[in-house]
C-alpha atoms as a PDB file:
ATOM      1  CA  MET A   1     141.409 101.776  89.015  1.00  0.00           C
ATOM      2  CA  PRO A   2     139.412 101.793  91.991  1.00  0.00           C
ATOM      3  CA  TYR A   3     135.315 102.648  91.205  1.00  0.00           C
ATOM      4  CA  ASN A   4     133.799 103.182  94.507  1.00  0.00           C
ATOM      5  CA  ASN A   5     130.830 104.807  96.107  1.00  0.00           C
ATOM      6  CA  ALA A   6     131.328 108.347  96.546  1.00  0.00           C
ATOM      7  CA  SER A   7     130.129 108.155  99.989  1.00  0.00           C
ATOM      8  CA  ASP A   8     132.854 105.148 100.825  1.00  0.00           C
ATOM      9  CA  THR A   9     135.941 106.660 101.803  1.00  0.00           C
ATOM     10  CA  SER A  10     137.197 103.527 103.394  1.00  0.00           C
ATOM     11  CA  ASN A  11     139.124 102.337 100.413  1.00  0.00           C
ATOM     12  CA  PRO A  12     142.064 104.653  98.773  1.00  0.00           C
ATOM     13  CA  THR A  13     141.639 105.867  95.428  1.00  0.00           C
ATOM     14  CA  ASP A  14     144.107 106.891  92.915  1.00  0.00           C
ATOM     15  CA  ARG A  15     144.965 110.255  92.154  1.00  0.00           C
ATOM     16  CA  HIS A  16     144.853 111.762  88.402  1.00  0.00           C
ATOM     17  CA  THR A  17     145.367 114.817  86.448  1.00  0.00           C
ATOM     18  CA  LEU A  18     142.465 115.989  83.650  1.00  0.00           C
ATOM     19  CA  ARG A  19     145.135 114.395  81.133  1.00  0.00           C
ATOM     20  CA  ASP A  20     144.411 110.865  82.635  1.00  0.00           C
ATOM     21  CA  ILE A  21     140.636 111.022  82.570  1.00  0.00           C
ATOM     22  CA  PRO A  22     138.951 109.934  79.846  1.00  0.00           C
ATOM     23  CA  ALA A  23     136.112 112.504  79.780  1.00  0.00           C
ATOM     24  CA  HIS A  24     133.206 113.346  77.522  1.00  0.00           C
ATOM     25  CA  ASP A  25     130.583 115.948  78.385  1.00  0.00           C
ATOM     26  CA  PRO A  26     132.754 117.385  81.192  1.00  0.00           C
ATOM     27  CA  PHE A  27     130.626 118.918  83.776  1.00  0.00           C
ATOM     28  CA  VAL A  28     132.272 120.847  87.288  1.00  0.00           C
ATOM     29  CA  LEU A  29     130.038 121.849  90.277  1.00  0.00           C
ATOM     30  CA  SER A  30     131.785 124.333  92.795  1.00  0.00           C
ATOM     31  CA  HIS A  31     130.532 123.197  95.934  1.00  0.00           C
ATOM     32  CA  LYS A  32     131.541 126.281  98.084  1.00  0.00           C
ATOM     33  CA  GLU A  33     130.609 124.349 101.238  1.00  0.00           C
ATOM     34  CA  THR A  34     133.023 122.054 101.037  1.00  0.00           C
ATOM     35  CA  ASN A  35     135.748 124.027  99.059  1.00  0.00           C
ATOM     36  CA  THR A  36     135.787 121.158  96.477  1.00  0.00           C
ATOM     37  CA  TYR A  37     135.378 120.957  92.624  1.00  0.00           C
ATOM     38  CA  TYR A  38     133.361 117.833  91.691  1.00  0.00           C
ATOM     39  CA  LEU A  39     134.081 116.228  88.211  1.00  0.00           C
ATOM     40  CA  TYR A  40     131.238 114.389  86.896  1.00  0.00           C
ATOM     41  CA  THR A  41     131.772 112.376  83.544  1.00  0.00           C
ATOM     42  CA  THR A  42     130.029 109.319  81.680  1.00  0.00           C
ATOM     43  CA  GLY A  43     130.932 105.751  83.405  1.00  0.00           C
ATOM     44  CA  ILE A  44     131.438 102.955  80.766  1.00  0.00           C
ATOM     45  CA  PRO A  45     131.193  99.585  81.105  1.00  0.00           C
ATOM     46  CA  GLU A  46     133.749  99.066  78.234  1.00  0.00           C
ATOM     47  CA  LEU A  47     136.420 101.390  79.966  1.00  0.00           C
ATOM     48  CA  THR A  48     135.817 100.750  83.378  1.00  0.00           C
ATOM     49  CA  ASP A  49     134.803  97.850  85.477  1.00  0.00           C
ATOM     50  CA  LEU A  50     131.511  98.999  86.081  1.00  0.00           C
ATOM     51  CA  GLU A  51     128.704  96.328  85.282  1.00  0.00           C
ATOM     52  CA  ARG A  52     126.147  98.973  84.001  1.00  0.00           C
ATOM     53  CA  ASN A  53     126.302 102.226  82.453  1.00  0.00           C
ATOM     54  CA  GLY A  54     126.503 105.008  85.617  1.00  0.00           C
ATOM     55  CA  VAL A  55     128.185 108.520  86.088  1.00  0.00           C
ATOM     56  CA  LEU A  56     131.216 108.913  87.911  1.00  0.00           C
ATOM     57  CA  VAL A  57     132.666 111.977  89.403  1.00  0.00           C
ATOM     58  CA  TYR A  58     136.161 113.298  90.986  1.00  0.00           C
ATOM     59  CA  LYS A  59     136.899 115.418  93.200  1.00  0.00           C
ATOM     60  CA  SER A  60     139.229 118.485  93.964  1.00  0.00           C
ATOM     61  CA  LYS A  61     140.537 121.152  95.513  1.00  0.00           C
ATOM     62  CA  ASP A  62     142.655 123.202  92.890  1.00  0.00           C
ATOM     63  CA  LEU A  63     141.534 121.868  89.609  1.00  0.00           C
ATOM     64  CA  LEU A  64     145.154 120.092  88.880  1.00  0.00           C
ATOM     65  CA  ASP A  65     144.873 117.261  91.307  1.00  0.00           C
ATOM     66  CA  TRP A  66     142.056 114.646  91.254  1.00  0.00           C
ATOM     67  CA  GLU A  67     140.860 112.077  93.281  1.00  0.00           C
ATOM     68  CA  GLY A  68     138.121 109.173  92.575  1.00  0.00           C
ATOM     69  CA  PRO A  69     136.955 108.043  90.291  1.00  0.00           C
ATOM     70  CA  TYR A  70     133.668 107.271  92.788  1.00  0.00           C
ATOM     71  CA  VAL A  71     130.381 105.934  91.381  1.00  0.00           C
ATOM     72  CA  VAL A  72     127.341 108.274  92.127  1.00  0.00           C
ATOM     73  CA  PHE A  73     124.659 106.976  90.202  1.00  0.00           C
ATOM     74  CA  GLU A  74     124.218 103.710  88.009  1.00  0.00           C
ATOM     75  CA  ILE A  75     120.922 102.759  85.976  1.00  0.00           C
ATOM     76  CA  PRO A  76     118.615 100.495  88.234  1.00  0.00           C
ATOM     77  CA  ASP A  77     116.742  97.626  86.944  1.00  0.00           C
ATOM     78  CA  GLY A  78     113.253  97.983  86.345  1.00  0.00           C
ATOM     79  CA  THR A  79     112.572 101.796  84.820  1.00  0.00           C
ATOM     80  CA  TRP A  80     112.414 102.722  81.346  1.00  0.00           C
ATOM     81  CA  ALA A  81     116.258 102.862  80.666  1.00  0.00           C
ATOM     82  CA  HIS A  82     118.610 100.060  79.825  1.00  0.00           C
ATOM     83  CA  PRO A  83     121.198  99.718  82.084  1.00  0.00           C
ATOM     84  CA  GLN A  84     123.794  98.783  79.312  1.00  0.00           C
ATOM     85  CA  HIS A  85     122.488 101.407  76.702  1.00  0.00           C
ATOM     86  CA  GLY A  86     124.209 104.755  77.763  1.00  0.00           C
ATOM     87  CA  THR A  87     124.544 107.427  80.650  1.00  0.00           C
ATOM     88  CA  TRP A  88     125.240 110.955  78.512  1.00  0.00           C
ATOM     89  CA  ALA A  89     126.172 114.156  79.968  1.00  0.00           C
ATOM     90  CA  PRO A  90     125.953 113.966  83.503  1.00  0.00           C
ATOM     91  CA  GLU A  91     125.542 117.375  85.292  1.00  0.00           C
ATOM     92  CA  VAL A  92     124.445 117.823  89.095  1.00  0.00           C
ATOM     93  CA  HIS A  93     122.516 121.025  89.921  1.00  0.00           C
ATOM     94  CA  GLN A  94     122.492 122.639  93.743  1.00  0.00           C
ATOM     95  CA  TYR A  95     118.504 123.641  94.207  1.00  0.00           C
ATOM     96  CA  ASP A  96     116.587 124.133  96.743  1.00  0.00           C
ATOM     97  CA  GLY A  97     118.766 121.943  99.189  1.00  0.00           C
ATOM     98  CA  LYS A  98     118.950 119.327  96.912  1.00  0.00           C
ATOM     99  CA  TYR A  99     121.510 117.816  94.622  1.00  0.00           C
ATOM    100  CA  TYR A 100     120.160 116.878  90.781  1.00  0.00           C
ATOM    101  CA  LEU A 101     121.552 115.183  88.383  1.00  0.00           C
ATOM    102  CA  PHE A 102     120.412 115.470  84.569  1.00  0.00           C
ATOM    103  CA  VAL A 103     121.599 112.821  82.870  1.00  0.00           C
ATOM    104  CA  THR A 104     120.343 111.213  79.363  1.00  0.00           C
ATOM    105  CA  LEU A 105     119.509 107.756  79.079  1.00  0.00           C
ATOM    106  CA  HIS A 106     118.266 105.198  76.131  1.00  0.00           C
ATOM    107  CA  ASN A 107     116.613 102.311  75.290  1.00  0.00           C
ATOM    108  CA  ARG A 108     117.387 100.898  71.621  1.00  0.00           C
ATOM    109  CA  ASP A 109     115.373  98.501  72.651  1.00  0.00           C
ATOM    110  CA  THR A 110     112.200 100.530  72.317  1.00  0.00           C
ATOM    111  CA  ILE A 111     111.510 102.000  68.087  1.00  0.00           C
ATOM    112  CA  LEU A 112     109.931 105.256  68.341  1.00  0.00           C
ATOM    113  CA  ALA A 113     109.491 104.823  64.383  1.00  0.00           C
ATOM    114  CA  GLU A 114     111.991 102.804  61.427  1.00  0.00           C
ATOM    115  CA  PRO A 115     112.670 103.305  57.635  1.00  0.00           C
ATOM    116  CA  PRO A 116     110.774 104.108  55.255  1.00  0.00           C
ATOM    117  CA  GLU A 117     108.880 106.072  58.160  1.00  0.00           C
ATOM    118  CA  VAL A 118     111.687 107.785  58.878  1.00  0.00           C
ATOM    119  CA  TRP A 119     115.370 108.209  57.405  1.00  0.00           C
ATOM    120  CA  LYS A 120     117.317 106.370  60.515  1.00  0.00           C
ATOM    121  CA  THR A 121     115.508 104.377  63.144  1.00  0.00           C
ATOM    122  CA  ASN A 122     114.012 106.667  65.792  1.00  0.00           C
ATOM    123  CA  HIS A 123     114.717 104.819  69.415  1.00  0.00           C
ATOM    124  CA  LEU A 124     113.972 106.027  72.951  1.00  0.00           C
ATOM    125  CA  ARG A 125     115.895 108.493  74.544  1.00  0.00           C
ATOM    126  CA  GLY A 126     116.004 111.712  76.915  1.00  0.00           C
ATOM    127  CA  THR A 127     117.247 113.601  79.839  1.00  0.00           C
ATOM    128  CA  SER A 128     115.825 111.857  83.791  1.00  0.00           C
ATOM    129  CA  ILE A 129     116.696 113.911  86.752  1.00  0.00           C
ATOM    130  CA  ALA A 130     117.495 112.129  90.136  1.00  0.00           C
ATOM    131  CA  VAL A 131     118.053 113.645  93.478  1.00  0.00           C
ATOM    132  CA  SER A 132     120.366 113.352  96.428  1.00  0.00           C
ATOM    133  CA  ASP A 133     121.164 115.369  99.285  1.00  0.00           C
ATOM    134  CA  SER A 134     124.930 115.391  98.832  1.00  0.00           C
ATOM    135  CA  PRO A 135     126.793 116.359  95.425  1.00  0.00           C
ATOM    136  CA  GLU A 136     128.287 112.643  95.953  1.00  0.00           C
ATOM    137  CA  GLY A 137     125.447 110.917  95.711  1.00  0.00           C
ATOM    138  CA  PRO A 138     124.213 108.224  95.755  1.00  0.00           C
ATOM    139  CA  PHE A 139     121.451 109.843  92.972  1.00  0.00           C
ATOM    140  CA  GLU A 140     117.917 108.269  92.861  1.00  0.00           C
ATOM    141  CA  LEU A 141     115.912 108.620  89.776  1.00  0.00           C
ATOM    142  CA  LEU A 142     112.585 110.698  90.123  1.00  0.00           C
ATOM    143  CA  LYS A 143     110.686 109.463  87.266  1.00  0.00           C
ATOM    144  CA  THR A 144     110.973 105.628  86.043  1.00  0.00           C
ATOM    145  CA  ASP A 145     108.579 105.350  83.420  1.00  0.00           C
ATOM    146  CA  GLY A 146     109.891 107.635  80.893  1.00  0.00           C
ATOM    147  CA  PRO A 147     112.420 110.944  80.527  1.00  0.00           C
ATOM    148  CA  VAL A 148     111.342 114.189  81.333  1.00  0.00           C
ATOM    149  CA  PRO A 149     110.528 115.921  77.918  1.00  0.00           C
ATOM    150  CA  PRO A 150     107.577 113.698  75.655  1.00  0.00           C
ATOM    151  CA  ARG A 151     108.509 109.929  75.481  1.00  0.00           C
ATOM    152  CA  ASN A 152     108.463 110.098  71.987  1.00  0.00           C
ATOM    153  CA  PHE A 153     110.689 113.022  71.030  1.00  0.00           C
ATOM    154  CA  MET A 154     114.472 112.128  70.814  1.00  0.00           C
ATOM    155  CA  THR A 155     116.011 114.092  73.194  1.00  0.00           C
ATOM    156  CA  LEU A 156     119.495 115.036  74.799  1.00  0.00           C
ATOM    157  CA  ASP A 157     122.020 116.902  77.082  1.00  0.00           C
ATOM    158  CA  GLY A 158     118.802 118.502  79.314  1.00  0.00           C
ATOM    159  CA  THR A 159     119.910 120.992  81.614  1.00  0.00           C
ATOM    160  CA  LEU A 160     118.459 123.096  84.527  1.00  0.00           C
ATOM    161  CA  TYR A 161     117.707 126.878  84.269  1.00  0.00           C
ATOM    162  CA  VAL A 162     115.187 128.847  86.882  1.00  0.00           C
ATOM    163  CA  ASP A 163     113.705 131.966  85.025  1.00  0.00           C
ATOM    164  CA  GLU A 164     113.227 135.077  86.343  1.00  0.00           C
ATOM    165  CA  GLY A 165     110.192 134.099  88.079  1.00  0.00           C
ATOM    166  CA  GLY A 166     111.961 131.110  89.959  1.00  0.00           C
ATOM    167  CA  LYS A 167     110.285 128.744  87.453  1.00  0.00           C
ATOM    168  CA  PRO A 168     112.471 125.738  86.885  1.00  0.00           C
ATOM    169  CA  TRP A 169     112.726 124.374  83.107  1.00  0.00           C
ATOM    170  CA  MET A 170     114.827 121.720  81.570  1.00  0.00           C
ATOM    171  CA  VAL A 171     116.402 123.345  78.206  1.00  0.00           C
ATOM    172  CA  TYR A 172     117.326 120.099  76.357  1.00  0.00           C
ATOM    173  CA  CYS A 173     118.103 119.212  72.386  1.00  0.00           C
ATOM    174  CA  HIS A 174     115.630 117.604  70.090  1.00  0.00           C
ATOM    175  CA  GLU A 175     117.790 115.041  68.453  1.00  0.00           C
ATOM    176  CA  TRP A 176     119.210 115.634  64.789  1.00  0.00           C
ATOM    177  CA  ILE A 177     118.768 111.851  64.175  1.00  0.00           C
ATOM    178  CA  GLN A 178     114.451 112.857  64.468  1.00  0.00           C
ATOM    179  CA  VAL A 179     114.408 116.214  63.290  1.00  0.00           C
ATOM    180  CA  LEU A 180     117.495 116.449  60.920  1.00  0.00           C
ATOM    181  CA  ASP A 181     117.824 120.375  62.112  1.00  0.00           C
ATOM    182  CA  GLY A 182     118.157 119.560  65.769  1.00  0.00           C
ATOM    183  CA  THR A 183     116.878 122.097  68.089  1.00  0.00           C
ATOM    184  CA  PHE A 184     116.480 123.536  71.224  1.00  0.00           C
ATOM    185  CA  GLU A 185     113.729 123.019  73.764  1.00  0.00           C
ATOM    186  CA  ALA A 186     112.516 124.321  76.461  1.00  0.00           C
ATOM    187  CA  ILE A 187     109.919 122.117  78.902  1.00  0.00           C
ATOM    188  CA  PRO A 188     108.475 123.481  82.871  1.00  0.00           C
ATOM    189  CA  LEU A 189     109.459 122.024  85.851  1.00  0.00           C
ATOM    190  CA  LYS A 190     107.221 120.969  88.685  1.00  0.00           C
ATOM    191  CA  SER A 191     108.818 122.727  91.633  1.00  0.00           C
ATOM    192  CA  ASP A 192     110.200 119.614  92.975  1.00  0.00           C
ATOM    193  CA  LEU A 193     111.877 118.650  89.536  1.00  0.00           C
ATOM    194  CA  SER A 194     109.787 115.048  89.637  1.00  0.00           C
ATOM    195  CA  ALA A 195     108.055 115.932  86.144  1.00  0.00           C
ATOM    196  CA  ALA A 196     107.258 118.155  83.593  1.00  0.00           C
ATOM    197  CA  ASP A 197     104.948 120.821  83.939  1.00  0.00           C
ATOM    198  CA  GLY A 198     103.753 121.686  80.573  1.00  0.00           C
ATOM    199  CA  GLU A 199     104.418 121.539  76.915  1.00  0.00           C
ATOM    200  CA  PRO A 200     107.881 122.165  75.299  1.00  0.00           C
ATOM    201  CA  GLN A 201     108.933 125.322  73.949  1.00  0.00           C
ATOM    202  CA  HIS A 202     110.761 125.776  70.664  1.00  0.00           C
ATOM    203  CA  LEU A 203     113.693 128.147  71.069  1.00  0.00           C
ATOM    204  CA  PHE A 204     116.118 128.053  68.252  1.00  0.00           C
ATOM    205  CA  LYS A 205     117.484 125.593  65.744  1.00  0.00           C
ATOM    206  CA  ALA A 206     121.087 124.608  64.794  1.00  0.00           C
ATOM    207  CA  SER A 207     121.012 126.254  61.653  1.00  0.00           C
ATOM    208  CA  ASP A 208     119.999 129.465  62.535  1.00  0.00           C
ATOM    209  CA  ALA A 209     124.109 129.995  63.194  1.00  0.00           C
ATOM    210  CA  PRO A 210     125.511 131.786  60.194  1.00  0.00           C
ATOM    211  CA  TRP A 211     128.468 130.099  60.464  1.00  0.00           C
ATOM    212  CA  ILE A 212     127.575 126.863  60.256  1.00  0.00           C
ATOM    213  CA  ASN A 213     125.492 127.744  56.881  1.00  0.00           C
ATOM    214  CA  THR A 214     128.382 129.589  55.024  1.00  0.00           C
ATOM    215  CA  GLU A 215     130.225 126.283  54.976  1.00  0.00           C
ATOM    216  CA  ARG A 216     127.864 124.066  53.382  1.00  0.00           C
ATOM    217  CA  LYS A 217     128.381 123.443  49.659  1.00  0.00           C
ATOM    218  CA  PRO A 218     125.217 122.218  47.620  1.00  0.00           C
ATOM    219  CA  ASN A 219     124.962 118.896  46.601  1.00  0.00           C
ATOM    220  CA  VAL A 220     122.379 116.208  46.406  1.00  0.00           C
ATOM    221  CA  LYS A 221     122.364 114.349  49.893  1.00  0.00           C
ATOM    222  CA  HIS A 222     120.086 115.908  52.938  1.00  0.00           C
ATOM    223  CA  SER A 223     121.666 118.316  55.375  1.00  0.00           C
ATOM    224  CA  ALA A 224     121.871 117.567  59.071  1.00  0.00           C
ATOM    225  CA  TYR A 225     122.409 120.065  61.879  1.00  0.00           C
ATOM    226  CA  VAL A 226     123.091 118.680  65.303  1.00  0.00           C
ATOM    227  CA  SER A 227     122.022 120.510  68.387  1.00  0.00           C
ATOM    228  CA  ASP A 228     124.295 119.660  71.453  1.00  0.00           C
ATOM    229  CA  GLY A 229     125.382 120.306  74.548  1.00  0.00           C
ATOM    230  CA  CYS A 230     123.201 123.545  76.053  1.00  0.00           C
ATOM    231  CA  GLN A 231     124.247 125.666  78.812  1.00  0.00           C
ATOM    232  CA  LEU A 232     122.475 128.811  80.284  1.00  0.00           C
ATOM    233  CA  TYR A 233     123.707 131.948  82.353  1.00  0.00           C
ATOM    234  CA  LYS A 234     123.450 135.350  82.990  1.00  0.00           C
ATOM    235  CA  THR A 235     125.729 137.713  82.494  1.00  0.00           C
ATOM    236  CA  LYS A 236     126.610 140.579  85.231  1.00  0.00           C
ATOM    237  CA  GLY A 237     124.395 142.888  82.588  1.00  0.00           C
ATOM    238  CA  GLY A 238     121.652 140.679  82.863  1.00  0.00           C
ATOM    239  CA  HIS A 239     121.751 139.229  79.333  1.00  0.00           C
ATOM    240  CA  LEU A 240     121.291 135.515  79.141  1.00  0.00           C
ATOM    241  CA  VAL A 241     123.586 133.636  77.231  1.00  0.00           C
ATOM    242  CA  MET A 242     123.412 130.149  75.913  1.00  0.00           C
ATOM    243  CA  LEU A 243     126.410 127.400  75.522  1.00  0.00           C
ATOM    244  CA  TRP A 244     125.777 125.252  72.670  1.00  0.00           C
ATOM    245  CA  SER A 245     127.774 122.789  70.399  1.00  0.00           C
ATOM    246  CA  SER A 246     127.523 121.452  66.938  1.00  0.00           C
ATOM    247  CA  TYR A 247     130.196 120.727  63.846  1.00  0.00           C
ATOM    248  CA  ASN A 248     131.832 122.541  61.417  1.00  0.00           C
ATOM    249  CA  ASN A 249     134.235 121.018  58.268  1.00  0.00           C
ATOM    250  CA  GLU A 250     136.682 120.425  61.047  1.00  0.00           C
ATOM    251  CA  GLY A 251     134.597 119.097  63.748  1.00  0.00           C
ATOM    252  CA  TYR A 252     133.038 119.545  66.747  1.00  0.00           C
ATOM    253  CA  VAL A 253     132.375 123.499  67.756  1.00  0.00           C
ATOM    254  CA  GLN A 254     132.147 125.167  71.011  1.00  0.00           C
ATOM    255  CA  THR A 255     129.224 128.266  70.366  1.00  0.00           C
ATOM    256  CA  ILE A 256     127.172 130.561  72.002  1.00  0.00           C
ATOM    257  CA  ALA A 257     124.066 132.182  71.462  1.00  0.00           C
ATOM    258  CA  ARG A 258     122.098 135.341  73.265  1.00  0.00           C
ATOM    259  CA  SER A 259     118.203 136.389  73.844  1.00  0.00           C
ATOM    260  CA  ARG A 260     117.956 139.531  72.921  1.00  0.00           C
ATOM    261  CA  SER A 261     114.866 139.927  75.649  1.00  0.00           C
ATOM    262  CA  GLY A 262     117.296 138.419  78.188  1.00  0.00           C
ATOM    263  CA  LYS A 263     114.240 135.618  78.701  1.00  0.00           C
ATOM    264  CA  LEU A 264     114.412 131.564  77.799  1.00  0.00           C
ATOM    265  CA  ALA A 265     111.738 132.751  74.839  1.00  0.00           C
ATOM    266  CA  GLY A 266     114.124 134.789  73.161  1.00  0.00           C
ATOM    267  CA  PRO A 267     114.465 135.846  70.675  1.00  0.00           C
ATOM    268  CA  TRP A 268     117.739 133.757  70.282  1.00  0.00           C
ATOM    269  CA  GLU A 269     120.794 135.342  67.682  1.00  0.00           C
ATOM    270  CA  GLN A 270     124.117 133.371  67.270  1.00  0.00           C
ATOM    271  CA  LEU A 271     127.338 134.636  68.288  1.00  0.00           C
ATOM    272  CA  ASP A 272     130.784 133.619  66.876  1.00  0.00           C
ATOM    273  CA  PRO A 273     132.407 130.137  68.164  1.00  0.00           C
ATOM    274  CA  LEU A 274     134.085 130.556  71.396  1.00  0.00           C
ATOM    275  CA  VAL A 275     136.264 127.270  70.780  1.00  0.00           C
ATOM    276  CA  GLU A 276     136.625 125.228  67.728  1.00  0.00           C
ATOM    277  CA  GLY A 277     138.943 122.390  66.394  1.00  0.00           C
ATOM    278  CA  ASP A 278     137.164 119.285  67.454  1.00  0.00           C
ATOM    279  CA  SER A 279     136.192 120.741  70.866  1.00  0.00           C
ATOM    280  CA  GLY A 280     132.619 121.608  72.988  1.00  0.00           C
ATOM    281  CA  HIS A 281     130.108 120.321  74.799  1.00  0.00           C
ATOM    282  CA  GLY A 282     131.187 122.858  77.343  1.00  0.00           C
ATOM    283  CA  MET A 283     130.135 124.395  80.629  1.00  0.00           C
ATOM    284  CA  LEU A 284     130.933 127.516  82.651  1.00  0.00           C
ATOM    285  CA  PHE A 285     132.185 127.457  86.457  1.00  0.00           C
ATOM    286  CA  LYS A 286     133.464 130.037  88.795  1.00  0.00           C
ATOM    287  CA  THR A 287     136.825 128.935  90.879  1.00  0.00           C
ATOM    288  CA  PHE A 288     136.317 129.900  94.790  1.00  0.00           C
ATOM    289  CA  GLU A 289     138.955 132.883  93.547  1.00  0.00           C
ATOM    290  CA  GLY A 290     135.641 134.279  91.192  1.00  0.00           C
ATOM    291  CA  THR A 291     137.493 133.219  87.938  1.00  0.00           C
ATOM    292  CA  TRP A 292     135.585 131.864  85.577  1.00  0.00           C
ATOM    293  CA  MET A 293     136.263 128.851  83.674  1.00  0.00           C
ATOM    294  CA  LEU A 294     135.268 126.836  80.937  1.00  0.00           C
ATOM    295  CA  ILE A 295     135.770 123.713  80.246  1.00  0.00           C
ATOM    296  CA  LEU A 296     134.637 121.249  77.604  1.00  0.00           C
ATOM    297  CA  HIS A 297     136.260 117.561  75.986  1.00  0.00           C
ATOM    298  CA  HIS A 298     138.827 117.422  72.960  1.00  0.00           C
ATOM    299  CA  PRO A 299     138.721 115.670  70.863  1.00  0.00           C
ATOM    300  CA  PHE A 300     135.527 114.144  70.350  1.00  0.00           C
ATOM    301  CA  SER A 301     135.523 110.475  69.891  1.00  0.00           C
ATOM    302  CA  THR A 302     136.436 108.024  73.095  1.00  0.00           C
ATOM    303  CA  PRO A 303     138.685 106.662  74.803  1.00  0.00           C
ATOM    304  CA  GLU A 304     140.943 109.487  73.326  1.00  0.00           C
ATOM    305  CA  SER A 305     138.242 112.477  74.759  1.00  0.00           C
ATOM    306  CA  ARG A 306     140.213 114.414  77.653  1.00  0.00           C
ATOM    307  CA  ALA A 307     138.853 117.251  79.396  1.00  0.00           C
ATOM    308  CA  LYS A 308     140.203 120.696  78.780  1.00  0.00           C
ATOM    309  CA  ILE A 309     140.204 124.182  80.815  1.00  0.00           C
ATOM    310  CA  TYR A 310     139.828 127.676  79.240  1.00  0.00           C
ATOM    311  CA  GLU A 311     139.884 130.724  81.385  1.00  0.00           C
ATOM    312  CA  VAL A 312     136.900 133.083  80.440  1.00  0.00           C
ATOM    313  CA  GLU A 313     135.797 136.777  80.727  1.00  0.00           C
ATOM    314  CA  GLU A 314     132.490 138.043  81.622  1.00  0.00           C
ATOM    315  CA  THR A 315     131.605 140.637  79.732  1.00  0.00           C
ATOM    316  CA  GLU A 316     128.425 142.704  80.281  1.00  0.00           C
ATOM    317  CA  ASP A 317     126.441 140.807  77.359  1.00  0.00           C
ATOM    318  CA  SER A 318     128.495 137.667  76.639  1.00  0.00           C
ATOM    319  CA  PHE A 319     131.858 135.183  77.460  1.00  0.00           C
ATOM    320  CA  LYS A 320     134.572 135.503  75.497  1.00  0.00           C
ATOM    321  CA  VAL A 321     137.861 133.092  75.875  1.00  0.00           C
ATOM    322  CA  ILE A 322     141.052 134.673  77.106  1.00  0.00           C
ATOM    323  CA  LYS A 323     143.619 131.510  77.077  1.00  0.00           C
ATOM    324  CA  PRO A 324     143.439 127.561  77.361  1.00  0.00           C
ATOM    325  CA  ARG A 325     144.630 126.875  81.240  1.00  0.00           C
ATOM    326  CA  VAL A 326     147.701 123.993  80.133  1.00  0.00           C
ATOM    327  CA  ASP A 327     148.489 124.284  83.301  1.00  0.00           C
ATOM    328  CA  LEU A 328     145.351 122.044  84.275  1.00  0.00           C
ATOM    329  CA  HIS A 329     145.128 119.866  81.596  1.00  0.00           C
ATOM    330  CA  ASP A 330     148.487 119.338  79.802  1.00  0.00           C
END
């Protein structure tokens, strides 16, 4: 497959269906200005001809035929992140006239703590933000000396949320590797998203989900609760909900929480999972015809992982899955 820069259309690119595209943590931007769906996913050197980790995009007009992939971001030299240590959970948000890439980067050579101080080695990991004038990139890192959340936190899967007062936030996952019971936290951002603008706030922890605890069986091992894939939406009834993922006895799970106050601070209540069967890290988007869709990956493992799409109904206070759109992904 060719891997061109997104702005370079001089070379022909392959066309694919979702079953052809290795996809982990898929994210779709519905770009009304060009009537184009952009599917962002990780570019892994071992699976591509990239020399360093980056972010790929595929383009489609109908969610069935996808053109690409194009490279929209590669980890540059001279930053806090190691160019070969991974790009996780890329997502692109249209905000204040520009496009912002949220992507989790890593540096396994920078150790934060190691046993016996902690149960498992902690290394530098966190979400960075890059900016472009186009959804097709190229994206340039705004902050190069560390991730947006505190540098001594192991964080991942940061996403953009703009509150009722217009204040931008990064909502992110605090890694279970560091805290055992993974949490969801939020940190305020400067108006240009260039850096944090305050202290992080705790939202909830993964073990708050009752369906996780009903499956726990007593033993002598410590329990770890994974927090992954946060995405926030306001329903038509004004209720704030968060998609997130963790594990049950059968594998990865796509679940959902709701803020009782309708605000980021919560308190948050945990609802029943939306999709099980080793599926998760999903996000919602609207088609150009106005239908809500959930896209996630299944199974969890790579390179087998593929994007799957489900039709979703918006209710007054939540979202519910109607049916898998096998016509789009199988």
